[in-house]
Amino acid sequence: MKHNDFRKHIPNALTSLNMLSGLAAVLLLLEHSHPHKTLFVTGLVLLGGIADFFDGFLARRWGVSSEMGKQLDSFADLVTFGIAPVALVNYITQCGHSLLVIFASLLYVAAGAFRLARYNLSDFSKHFMGLPITIAGVVLTMFSAAFFHLTPSAQPPAYTGIAMTAALVLLSIMMVSKRKIPRILG
């Protein structure tokens, strides 16, 4: 096996790590007895973010980018930065009681999917159009985890749902916006 042949698999392996991190975060939130699950979920989303950065960076740097990798990356991003952060928000707000948080969660995932599809269908090599879902997901996860750990009681205050809804809607709007964001790295 040539040296180049081995390198072409590394970006897709990192993409898979990204996706598995997001899936593990969701599954951990379903586990009832884990005492520090929000910290682990945050760590898993951040791990997914690191893998997401390096998969694209290495694929471009080594000239091994492919359409398959681009599509796989979008599926991974939707899991790790779309579904996992929304699962965390719903865990934190105990959202079964708030239709507003549920609606905003659905809006966020739909906006993220739209943003990923728009990215895959266009050439945004010099800039991003709209906030990348990776950034939105990391911001939402960090905001949610900080909110959870700064809340003094086990029962979330009434304003938690409002704060999470506002964050979800704002990030959704930013993802689908047509604002050009310069590509700083890679």
Foldseek 3Di string as FASTA:
>chain_A
DDPLVVLLCLLVVLLVLLLVLLVVLLVLLVDDPDPPSLVSNLVSLVSSLVSLVVSVQSCVVSVNDDLVSLVSNLVSLLRSLQVSLLSLLCSLQVCPPPPLSVVLSVLLSVLQNVLSVVPSVDDQPFWGFFDHSSVLSSVSSVVSSVQSVVDPDPHRDPCSSVVSSVSSNVNSCRSNHRDTGGDDHD
